[in-house]
């Protein structure tokens, strides 16, 4: 996800070749330094991947909790409406049962198996 925002990848750094002149770089030092850079990049991408997974899990949990809140609000409204009815307690119980069934069907349809 974030990898396209960077100029260099681990492979780019690994395959980088330095020009050598009469007073050139010490190749061993350059290689050691590049190994450190590659290691850092790999660790960084690993961390980013873990954070992306964590974010996805949290977003799924938020969606689930929002659905639960909606279901509870609906149940509360039904319960409040049934308090106003003298003989409507049986009707309210049926409505609550229907709402529970609808909630379970939504979970099945949207893949929320809890």
C-alpha atoms as a PDB file:
ATOM      1  CA  UNK A   1       0.000   0.000   0.000  1.00  0.00           C
ATOM      2  CA  UNK A   2       2.721   2.514   0.959  1.00  0.00           C
ATOM      3  CA  UNK A   3       5.456   0.983  -1.178  1.00  0.00           C
ATOM      4  CA  UNK A   4       4.561   3.045  -4.233  1.00  0.00           C
ATOM      5  CA  UNK A   5       5.311   6.231  -2.250  1.00  0.00           C
ATOM      6  CA  UNK A   6       9.026   5.456  -1.961  1.00  0.00           C
ATOM      7  CA  UNK A   7      11.740   6.059  -4.510  1.00  0.00           C
ATOM      8  CA  UNK A   8      13.826   2.999  -3.708  1.00  0.00           C
ATOM      9  CA  UNK A   9      13.015  -0.593  -2.914  1.00  0.00           C
ATOM     10  CA  UNK A  10      15.274  -3.160  -1.287  1.00  0.00           C
ATOM     11  CA  UNK A  11      16.040  -4.555  -4.725  1.00  0.00           C
ATOM     12  CA  UNK A  12      16.946  -1.114  -6.128  1.00  0.00           C
ATOM     13  CA  UNK A  13      19.422  -0.542  -3.327  1.00  0.00           C
ATOM     14  CA  UNK A  14      20.882  -4.031  -3.643  1.00  0.00           C
ATOM     15  CA  UNK A  15      21.440  -3.665  -7.382  1.00  0.00           C
ATOM     16  CA  UNK A  16      22.948  -0.165  -7.179  1.00  0.00           C
ATOM     17  CA  UNK A  17      26.437  -0.031  -8.653  1.00  0.00           C
ATOM     18  CA  UNK A  18      28.915   2.686  -7.739  1.00  0.00           C
ATOM     19  CA  UNK A  19      31.430   4.003 -10.200  1.00  0.00           C
ATOM     20  CA  UNK A  20      35.002   3.360  -9.220  1.00  0.00           C
ATOM     21  CA  UNK A  21      37.803   5.770  -9.967  1.00  0.00           C
ATOM     22  CA  UNK A  22      41.435   5.861  -8.847  1.00  0.00           C
ATOM     23  CA  UNK A  23      40.484   7.098  -5.401  1.00  0.00           C
ATOM     24  CA  UNK A  24      37.178   5.210  -5.294  1.00  0.00           C
ATOM     25  CA  UNK A  25      35.096   4.000  -2.423  1.00  0.00           C
ATOM     26  CA  UNK A  26      36.007   0.991  -0.366  1.00  0.00           C
ATOM     27  CA  UNK A  27      33.647  -1.576  -1.790  1.00  0.00           C
ATOM     28  CA  UNK A  28      33.390  -3.549   1.448  1.00  0.00           C
ATOM     29  CA  UNK A  29      32.249  -0.469   3.370  1.00  0.00           C
ATOM     30  CA  UNK A  30      29.727   0.460   0.693  1.00  0.00           C
ATOM     31  CA  UNK A  31      28.336  -3.091   0.672  1.00  0.00           C
ATOM     32  CA  UNK A  32      28.036  -3.152   4.460  1.00  0.00           C
ATOM     33  CA  UNK A  33      26.241   0.176   4.412  1.00  0.00           C
ATOM     34  CA  UNK A  34      23.856  -0.961   1.723  1.00  0.00           C
ATOM     35  CA  UNK A  35      23.136  -4.120   3.717  1.00  0.00           C
ATOM     36  CA  UNK A  36      22.065  -1.902   6.610  1.00  0.00           C
ATOM     37  CA  UNK A  37      19.817   0.152   4.354  1.00  0.00           C
ATOM     38  CA  UNK A  38      18.215  -2.981   2.901  1.00  0.00           C
ATOM     39  CA  UNK A  39      17.624  -4.359   6.376  1.00  0.00           C
ATOM     40  CA  UNK A  40      15.977  -1.105   7.456  1.00  0.00           C
ATOM     41  CA  UNK A  41      13.747  -1.010   4.396  1.00  0.00           C
ATOM     42  CA  UNK A  42      12.639  -4.612   4.879  1.00  0.00           C
ATOM     43  CA  UNK A  43      11.833  -3.944   8.540  1.00  0.00           C
ATOM     44  CA  UNK A  44       9.963  -0.783   7.621  1.00  0.00           C
ATOM     45  CA  UNK A  45       7.806  -2.573   5.043  1.00  0.00           C
ATOM     46  CA  UNK A  46       7.120  -5.355   7.536  1.00  0.00           C
ATOM     47  CA  UNK A  47       5.899  -2.804  10.077  1.00  0.00           C
ATOM     48  CA  UNK A  48       3.720  -1.100   7.472  1.00  0.00           C
ATOM     49  CA  UNK A  49       2.177  -4.416   6.497  1.00  0.00           C
ATOM     50  CA  UNK A  50       1.380  -5.226  10.125  1.00  0.00           C
ATOM     51  CA  UNK A  51      -0.194  -1.787  10.619  1.00  0.00           C
ATOM     52  CA  UNK A  52      -2.335  -2.224   7.508  1.00  0.00           C
ATOM     53  CA  UNK A  53      -3.628  -5.557   8.818  1.00  0.00           C
ATOM     54  CA  UNK A  54      -4.315  -4.036  12.227  1.00  0.00           C
ATOM     55  CA  UNK A  55      -6.159  -1.118  10.625  1.00  0.00           C
ATOM     56  CA  UNK A  56      -8.314  -3.485   8.561  1.00  0.00           C
ATOM     57  CA  UNK A  57      -9.220  -5.511  11.661  1.00  0.00           C
ATOM     58  CA  UNK A  58     -10.140  -2.345  13.561  1.00  0.00           C
ATOM     59  CA  UNK A  59     -12.294  -1.065  10.695  1.00  0.00           C
ATOM     60  CA  UNK A  60     -14.154  -4.390  10.600  1.00  0.00           C
ATOM     61  CA  UNK A  61     -14.697  -4.200  14.351  1.00  0.00           C
ATOM     62  CA  UNK A  62     -16.018  -0.634  14.048  1.00  0.00           C
ATOM     63  CA  UNK A  63     -18.494  -1.714  11.366  1.00  0.00           C
ATOM     64  CA  UNK A  64     -19.643  -4.588  13.528  1.00  0.00           C
ATOM     65  CA  UNK A  65     -20.111  -2.352  16.558  1.00  0.00           C
ATOM     66  CA  UNK A  66     -22.030   0.239  14.522  1.00  0.00           C
ATOM     67  CA  UNK A  67     -24.377  -2.496  13.303  1.00  0.00           C
ATOM     68  CA  UNK A  68     -24.863  -3.680  16.865  1.00  0.00           C
ATOM     69  CA  UNK A  69     -25.673  -0.124  18.000  1.00  0.00           C
ATOM     70  CA  UNK A  70     -28.234   0.229  15.200  1.00  0.00           C
ATOM     71  CA  UNK A  71     -29.849  -3.061  16.202  1.00  0.00           C
ATOM     72  CA  UNK A  72     -29.988  -2.059  19.855  1.00  0.00           C
ATOM     73  CA  UNK A  73     -31.513   1.326  19.011  1.00  0.00           C
ATOM     74  CA  UNK A  74     -34.168  -0.395  16.944  1.00  0.00           C
ATOM     75  CA  UNK A  75     -34.906  -2.833  19.760  1.00  0.00           C
ATOM     76  CA  UNK A  76     -35.120   0.054  22.218  1.00  0.00           C
ATOM     77  CA  UNK A  77     -37.551   1.940  19.988  1.00  0.00           C
ATOM     78  CA  UNK A  78     -39.703  -1.162  19.682  1.00  0.00           C
ATOM     79  CA  UNK A  79     -39.646  -1.675  23.436  1.00  0.00           C
ATOM     80  CA  UNK A  80     -40.608   1.968  24.062  1.00  0.00           C
ATOM     81  CA  UNK A  81     -43.439   1.744  21.533  1.00  0.00           C
ATOM     82  CA  UNK A  82     -44.741  -1.398  23.165  1.00  0.00           C
ATOM     83  CA  UNK A  83     -44.899   0.300  26.582  1.00  0.00           C
ATOM     84  CA  UNK A  84     -47.523   2.664  25.175  1.00  0.00           C
ATOM     85  CA  UNK A  85     -49.742  -0.251  24.105  1.00  0.00           C
ATOM     86  CA  UNK A  86     -51.800  -1.840  26.889  1.00  0.00           C
ATOM     87  CA  UNK A  87     -52.401  -5.133  25.096  1.00  0.00           C
ATOM     88  CA  UNK A  88     -49.481  -4.801  22.717  1.00  0.00           C
ATOM     89  CA  UNK A  89     -46.834  -6.594  24.793  1.00  0.00           C
ATOM     90  CA  UNK A  90     -47.243  -9.771  22.748  1.00  0.00           C
ATOM     91  CA  UNK A  91     -47.049  -7.715  19.560  1.00  0.00           C
ATOM     92  CA  UNK A  92     -43.836  -6.048  20.785  1.00  0.00           C
ATOM     93  CA  UNK A  93     -42.306  -9.423  21.616  1.00  0.00           C
ATOM     94  CA  UNK A  94     -43.050 -10.586  18.090  1.00  0.00           C
ATOM     95  CA  UNK A  95     -41.513  -7.404  16.667  1.00  0.00           C
ATOM     96  CA  UNK A  96     -38.381  -7.870  18.781  1.00  0.00           C
ATOM     97  CA  UNK A  97     -38.126 -11.467  17.609  1.00  0.00           C
ATOM     98  CA  UNK A  98     -38.450 -10.320  13.991  1.00  0.00           C
ATOM     99  CA  UNK A  99     -35.731  -7.684  14.533  1.00  0.00           C
ATOM    100  CA  UNK A 100     -33.399 -10.302  16.008  1.00  0.00           C
ATOM    101  CA  UNK A 101     -33.980 -12.568  13.024  1.00  0.00           C
ATOM    102  CA  UNK A 102     -33.321  -9.701  10.616  1.00  0.00           C
ATOM    103  CA  UNK A 103     -30.123  -8.912  12.461  1.00  0.00           C
ATOM    104  CA  UNK A 104     -28.961 -12.515  12.142  1.00  0.00           C
ATOM    105  CA  UNK A 105     -29.795 -12.507   8.429  1.00  0.00           C
ATOM    106  CA  UNK A 106     -27.794  -9.300   7.954  1.00  0.00           C
ATOM    107  CA  UNK A 107     -24.814 -10.942   9.612  1.00  0.00           C
ATOM    108  CA  UNK A 108     -25.087 -13.907   7.262  1.00  0.00           C
ATOM    109  CA  UNK A 109     -25.566 -11.743   4.162  1.00  0.00           C
ATOM    110  CA  UNK A 110     -22.716  -9.349   5.000  1.00  0.00           C
ATOM    111  CA  UNK A 111     -20.401 -12.109   6.219  1.00  0.00           C
ATOM    112  CA  UNK A 112     -20.392 -11.060   9.844  1.00  0.00           C
ATOM    113  CA  UNK A 113     -20.380 -14.403  11.634  1.00  0.00           C
ATOM    114  CA  UNK A 114     -20.355 -13.740  15.384  1.00  0.00           C
END
